Amino acid sequence: MRKLTGDQKRDIAVSLTKRDEDIDLSDMPERLDWSGAVRGMFYRPPKRPVTMRLDEDVVAWLKGFGPGYQTKANLLLRHAMMNSGERKSTTR
């Protein structure tokens, strides 16, 4: 998660001083129809710390994308897992 900017921190501080009934929600009406909702859309599986030994060039390639190389490696492994023909239990 990225750090908040000064403007964002200021906006949050102002919002915290308001009472609930003083907040104007007219530009975002209440959602009454949830028929198009997707269950688990924002689910993030729990993480487990592991130690892996990877080739130096692979690590350099992953780090070449910038910060978050471990997340990139996880996405690549998840893609391979989801596209492999085999479906094995993910629990141990």
N, C-alpha and C. Protein backbone atom coordinates (compact mmCIF):
# COMPACT_ATOMS: atom_id res chain seq x y z
N MET A 1 0.84 -1.15 0.00
CA MET A 1 0.00 0.00 0.00
C MET A 1 0.90 1.24 0.00
N ARG A 2 0.52 2.22 -0.79
CA ARG A 2 1.32 3.43 -0.90
C ARG A 2 1.06 4.36 0.28
N LYS A 3 2.06 5.17 0.60
CA LYS A 3 1.90 6.14 1.69
C LYS A 3 0.94 7.23 1.26
N LEU A 4 0.23 7.77 2.24
CA LEU A 4 -0.72 8.85 1.96
C LEU A 4 0.02 10.15 1.71
N THR A 5 -0.52 10.95 0.81
CA THR A 5 0.05 12.27 0.55
C THR A 5 -0.43 13.22 1.64
N GLY A 6 0.17 14.39 1.70
CA GLY A 6 -0.24 15.40 2.67
C GLY A 6 -1.69 15.80 2.49
N ASP A 7 -2.12 15.95 1.23
CA ASP A 7 -3.52 16.31 0.95
C ASP A 7 -4.47 15.22 1.44
N GLN A 8 -4.11 13.96 1.22
CA GLN A 8 -4.97 12.86 1.66
C GLN A 8 -5.07 12.83 3.18
N LYS A 9 -3.94 13.04 3.86
CA LYS A 9 -3.95 13.07 5.33
C LYS A 9 -4.82 14.21 5.84
N ARG A 10 -4.74 15.35 5.18
CA ARG A 10 -5.54 16.50 5.56
C ARG A 10 -7.04 16.21 5.36
N ASP A 11 -7.38 15.59 4.22
CA ASP A 11 -8.78 15.24 3.94
C ASP A 11 -9.32 14.27 4.98
N ILE A 12 -8.52 13.31 5.37
CA ILE A 12 -8.94 12.34 6.39
C ILE A 12 -9.15 13.04 7.72
N ALA A 13 -8.23 13.93 8.09
CA ALA A 13 -8.36 14.66 9.35
C ALA A 13 -9.64 15.48 9.38
N VAL A 14 -9.97 16.14 8.26
CA VAL A 14 -11.21 16.92 8.18
C VAL A 14 -12.42 15.99 8.30
N SER A 15 -12.39 14.85 7.62
CA SER A 15 -13.51 13.91 7.67
C SER A 15 -13.75 13.37 9.08
N LEU A 16 -12.68 13.16 9.81
CA LEU A 16 -12.81 12.62 11.17
C LEU A 16 -13.47 13.59 12.13
N THR A 17 -13.43 14.87 11.81
CA THR A 17 -14.05 15.87 12.69
C THR A 17 -15.56 15.98 12.46
N LYS A 18 -16.06 15.44 11.36
CA LYS A 18 -17.49 15.54 11.02
C LYS A 18 -18.30 14.45 11.72
N ARG A 19 -19.54 14.79 12.04
CA ARG A 19 -20.48 13.79 12.55
C ARG A 19 -21.07 13.05 11.35
N ASP A 20 -21.54 11.84 11.56
CA ASP A 20 -22.09 11.04 10.46
C ASP A 20 -23.22 11.77 9.74
N GLU A 21 -24.10 12.41 10.48
CA GLU A 21 -25.24 13.08 9.85
C GLU A 21 -24.84 14.33 9.08
N ASP A 22 -23.61 14.82 9.27
CA ASP A 22 -23.14 16.01 8.55
C ASP A 22 -22.43 15.68 7.24
N ILE A 23 -22.26 14.41 6.96
CA ILE A 23 -21.56 14.00 5.74
C ILE A 23 -22.57 13.92 4.60
N ASP A 24 -22.28 14.61 3.50
CA ASP A 24 -23.18 14.66 2.34
C ASP A 24 -22.93 13.45 1.44
N LEU A 25 -23.92 12.59 1.34
CA LEU A 25 -23.81 11.38 0.51
C LEU A 25 -24.70 11.47 -0.73
N SER A 26 -25.15 12.67 -1.08
CA SER A 26 -26.09 12.82 -2.19
C SER A 26 -25.50 12.42 -3.54
N ASP A 27 -24.18 12.47 -3.68
CA ASP A 27 -23.57 12.11 -4.96
C ASP A 27 -23.29 10.61 -5.07
N MET A 28 -23.61 9.84 -4.04
CA MET A 28 -23.46 8.39 -4.09
C MET A 28 -24.66 7.74 -3.41
N PRO A 29 -25.71 7.50 -4.20
CA PRO A 29 -26.94 6.95 -3.63
C PRO A 29 -26.72 5.55 -3.05
N GLU A 30 -27.58 5.20 -2.11
CA GLU A 30 -27.50 3.90 -1.47
C GLU A 30 -27.75 2.80 -2.49
N ARG A 31 -26.97 1.75 -2.41
CA ARG A 31 -27.10 0.61 -3.34
C ARG A 31 -28.14 -0.35 -2.80
N LEU A 32 -29.23 -0.54 -3.54
CA LEU A 32 -30.29 -1.43 -3.10
C LEU A 32 -30.32 -2.74 -3.87
N ASP A 33 -29.82 -2.74 -5.09
CA ASP A 33 -29.84 -3.94 -5.93
C ASP A 33 -28.45 -4.56 -5.94
N TRP A 34 -28.28 -5.69 -5.28
CA TRP A 34 -26.99 -6.36 -5.21
C TRP A 34 -26.94 -7.60 -6.10
N SER A 35 -27.85 -7.69 -7.08
CA SER A 35 -27.92 -8.88 -7.93
C SER A 35 -26.67 -9.07 -8.78
N GLY A 36 -25.94 -8.00 -9.07
CA GLY A 36 -24.74 -8.13 -9.88
C GLY A 36 -23.46 -8.24 -9.06
N ALA A 37 -23.61 -8.37 -7.74
CA ALA A 37 -22.44 -8.44 -6.86
C ALA A 37 -21.69 -9.77 -7.06
N VAL A 38 -20.40 -9.73 -6.87
CA VAL A 38 -19.56 -10.92 -7.03
C VAL A 38 -18.98 -11.27 -5.66
N ARG A 39 -19.29 -12.45 -5.17
CA ARG A 39 -18.79 -12.89 -3.87
C ARG A 39 -17.30 -13.20 -3.97
N GLY A 40 -16.54 -12.75 -3.00
CA GLY A 40 -15.11 -13.05 -2.93
C GLY A 40 -14.26 -12.24 -3.89
N MET A 41 -14.81 -11.19 -4.48
CA MET A 41 -14.07 -10.42 -5.47
C MET A 41 -12.80 -9.79 -4.88
N PHE A 42 -12.85 -9.42 -3.62
CA PHE A 42 -11.71 -8.75 -2.99
C PHE A 42 -11.00 -9.66 -1.99
N TYR A 43 -11.26 -10.95 -2.08
CA TYR A 43 -10.60 -11.90 -1.18
C TYR A 43 -9.12 -12.00 -1.51
N ARG A 44 -8.29 -11.94 -0.48
CA ARG A 44 -6.85 -12.14 -0.66
C ARG A 44 -6.43 -13.33 0.19
N PRO A 45 -5.91 -14.37 -0.44
CA PRO A 45 -5.52 -15.54 0.35
C PRO A 45 -4.42 -15.19 1.34
N PRO A 46 -4.39 -15.88 2.48
CA PRO A 46 -3.33 -15.60 3.46
C PRO A 46 -1.96 -15.94 2.87
N LYS A 47 -0.96 -15.21 3.32
CA LYS A 47 0.42 -15.41 2.84
C LYS A 47 1.18 -16.27 3.84
N ARG A 48 2.14 -17.02 3.34
CA ARG A 48 3.01 -17.83 4.17
C ARG A 48 4.45 -17.51 3.79
N PRO A 49 5.28 -17.13 4.76
CA PRO A 49 6.68 -16.85 4.44
C PRO A 49 7.40 -18.16 4.07
N VAL A 50 8.15 -18.10 2.99
CA VAL A 50 8.93 -19.26 2.54
C VAL A 50 10.32 -18.79 2.13
N THR A 51 11.23 -19.71 2.10
CA THR A 51 12.57 -19.43 1.59
C THR A 51 12.74 -20.22 0.30
N MET A 52 13.13 -19.53 -0.77
CA MET A 52 13.34 -20.19 -2.06
C MET A 52 14.72 -19.84 -2.57
N ARG A 53 15.30 -20.76 -3.28
CA ARG A 53 16.57 -20.50 -3.92
C ARG A 53 16.30 -20.36 -5.41
N LEU A 54 16.52 -19.15 -5.92
CA LEU A 54 16.27 -18.86 -7.33
C LEU A 54 17.57 -18.48 -8.01
N ASP A 55 17.65 -18.71 -9.30
CA ASP A 55 18.83 -18.31 -10.05
C ASP A 55 18.97 -16.79 -10.02
N GLU A 56 20.21 -16.31 -9.99
CA GLU A 56 20.47 -14.88 -9.90
C GLU A 56 19.83 -14.09 -11.04
N ASP A 57 19.89 -14.66 -12.25
CA ASP A 57 19.31 -13.93 -13.38
C ASP A 57 17.79 -13.82 -13.27
N VAL A 58 17.15 -14.82 -12.66
CA VAL A 58 15.70 -14.76 -12.47
C VAL A 58 15.35 -13.66 -11.48
N VAL A 59 16.09 -13.60 -10.37
CA VAL A 59 15.86 -12.56 -9.37
C VAL A 59 16.12 -11.18 -9.97
N ALA A 60 17.18 -11.03 -10.75
CA ALA A 60 17.49 -9.75 -11.39
C ALA A 60 16.37 -9.34 -12.34
N TRP A 61 15.83 -10.31 -13.07
CA TRP A 61 14.73 -10.02 -13.99
C TRP A 61 13.50 -9.55 -13.23
N LEU A 62 13.16 -10.26 -12.14
CA LEU A 62 12.00 -9.86 -11.34
C LEU A 62 12.20 -8.47 -10.73
N LYS A 63 13.39 -8.21 -10.21
CA LYS A 63 13.67 -6.91 -9.60
C LYS A 63 13.71 -5.80 -10.64
N GLY A 64 13.92 -6.15 -11.89
CA GLY A 64 13.95 -5.17 -12.97
C GLY A 64 12.61 -4.49 -13.20
N PHE A 65 11.52 -5.09 -12.68
CA PHE A 65 10.20 -4.48 -12.80
C PHE A 65 9.96 -3.44 -11.72
N GLY A 66 10.91 -3.28 -10.81
CA GLY A 66 10.76 -2.31 -9.73
C GLY A 66 10.37 -2.99 -8.44
N PRO A 67 9.96 -2.17 -7.46
CA PRO A 67 9.59 -2.72 -6.16
C PRO A 67 8.47 -3.74 -6.30
N GLY A 68 8.47 -4.72 -5.39
CA GLY A 68 7.42 -5.73 -5.40
C GLY A 68 7.77 -6.97 -6.19
N TYR A 69 9.05 -7.30 -6.27
CA TYR A 69 9.44 -8.46 -7.07
C TYR A 69 8.87 -9.76 -6.49
N GLN A 70 8.69 -9.82 -5.17
CA GLN A 70 8.12 -11.04 -4.58
C GLN A 70 6.65 -11.19 -4.98
N THR A 71 5.94 -10.08 -5.04
CA THR A 71 4.55 -10.11 -5.49
C THR A 71 4.49 -10.54 -6.95
N LYS A 72 5.41 -10.04 -7.75
CA LYS A 72 5.47 -10.43 -9.17
C LYS A 72 5.71 -11.93 -9.29
N ALA A 73 6.64 -12.46 -8.50
CA ALA A 73 6.92 -13.90 -8.52
C ALA A 73 5.67 -14.68 -8.12
N ASN A 74 4.95 -14.19 -7.11
CA ASN A 74 3.72 -14.87 -6.68
C ASN A 74 2.69 -14.87 -7.79
N LEU A 75 2.52 -13.74 -8.49
CA LEU A 75 1.57 -13.67 -9.60
C LEU A 75 1.93 -14.64 -10.72
N LEU A 76 3.21 -14.72 -11.04
CA LEU A 76 3.65 -15.64 -12.09
C LEU A 76 3.40 -17.09 -11.70
N LEU A 77 3.69 -17.43 -10.43
CA LEU A 77 3.45 -18.79 -9.96
C LEU A 77 1.95 -19.10 -9.92
N ARG A 78 1.13 -18.13 -9.49
CA ARG A 78 -0.32 -18.34 -9.47
C ARG A 78 -0.84 -18.57 -10.89
N HIS A 79 -0.35 -17.78 -11.86
CA HIS A 79 -0.76 -17.94 -13.25
C HIS A 79 -0.42 -19.35 -13.75
N ALA A 80 0.80 -19.81 -13.44
CA ALA A 80 1.20 -21.15 -13.84
C ALA A 80 0.33 -22.21 -13.17
N MET A 81 0.02 -22.00 -11.89
CA MET A 81 -0.81 -22.94 -11.15
C MET A 81 -2.22 -23.02 -11.76
N MET A 82 -2.81 -21.85 -12.05
CA MET A 82 -4.17 -21.81 -12.56
C MET A 82 -4.27 -22.35 -13.99
N ASN A 83 -3.19 -22.26 -14.74
CA ASN A 83 -3.23 -22.70 -16.13
C ASN A 83 -2.64 -24.09 -16.35
N SER A 84 -2.20 -24.73 -15.26
CA SER A 84 -1.71 -26.10 -15.42
C SER A 84 -2.93 -27.01 -15.48
N GLY A 85 -2.78 -28.12 -16.12
CA GLY A 85 -3.90 -29.05 -16.26
C GLY A 85 -4.23 -29.74 -14.95
N GLU A 86 -3.29 -29.77 -14.04
CA GLU A 86 -3.49 -30.50 -12.79
C GLU A 86 -4.12 -29.61 -11.75
N ARG A 87 -5.04 -30.15 -11.00
CA ARG A 87 -5.65 -29.43 -9.88
C ARG A 87 -5.33 -30.23 -8.63
N LYS A 88 -4.47 -29.70 -7.82
CA LYS A 88 -4.10 -30.38 -6.58
C LYS A 88 -4.52 -29.53 -5.41
N SER A 89 -4.66 -30.14 -4.27
CA SER A 89 -5.06 -29.43 -3.06
C SER A 89 -4.02 -28.37 -2.72
N THR A 90 -4.47 -27.19 -2.32
CA THR A 90 -3.56 -26.11 -1.96
C THR A 90 -3.29 -26.09 -0.47
N THR A 91 -3.94 -27.00 0.30
CA THR A 91 -3.69 -27.07 1.73
C THR A 91 -2.72 -28.20 2.02
N ARG A 92 -2.10 -28.10 3.12
CA ARG A 92 -1.13 -29.12 3.46
C ARG A 92 -1.34 -29.65 4.83
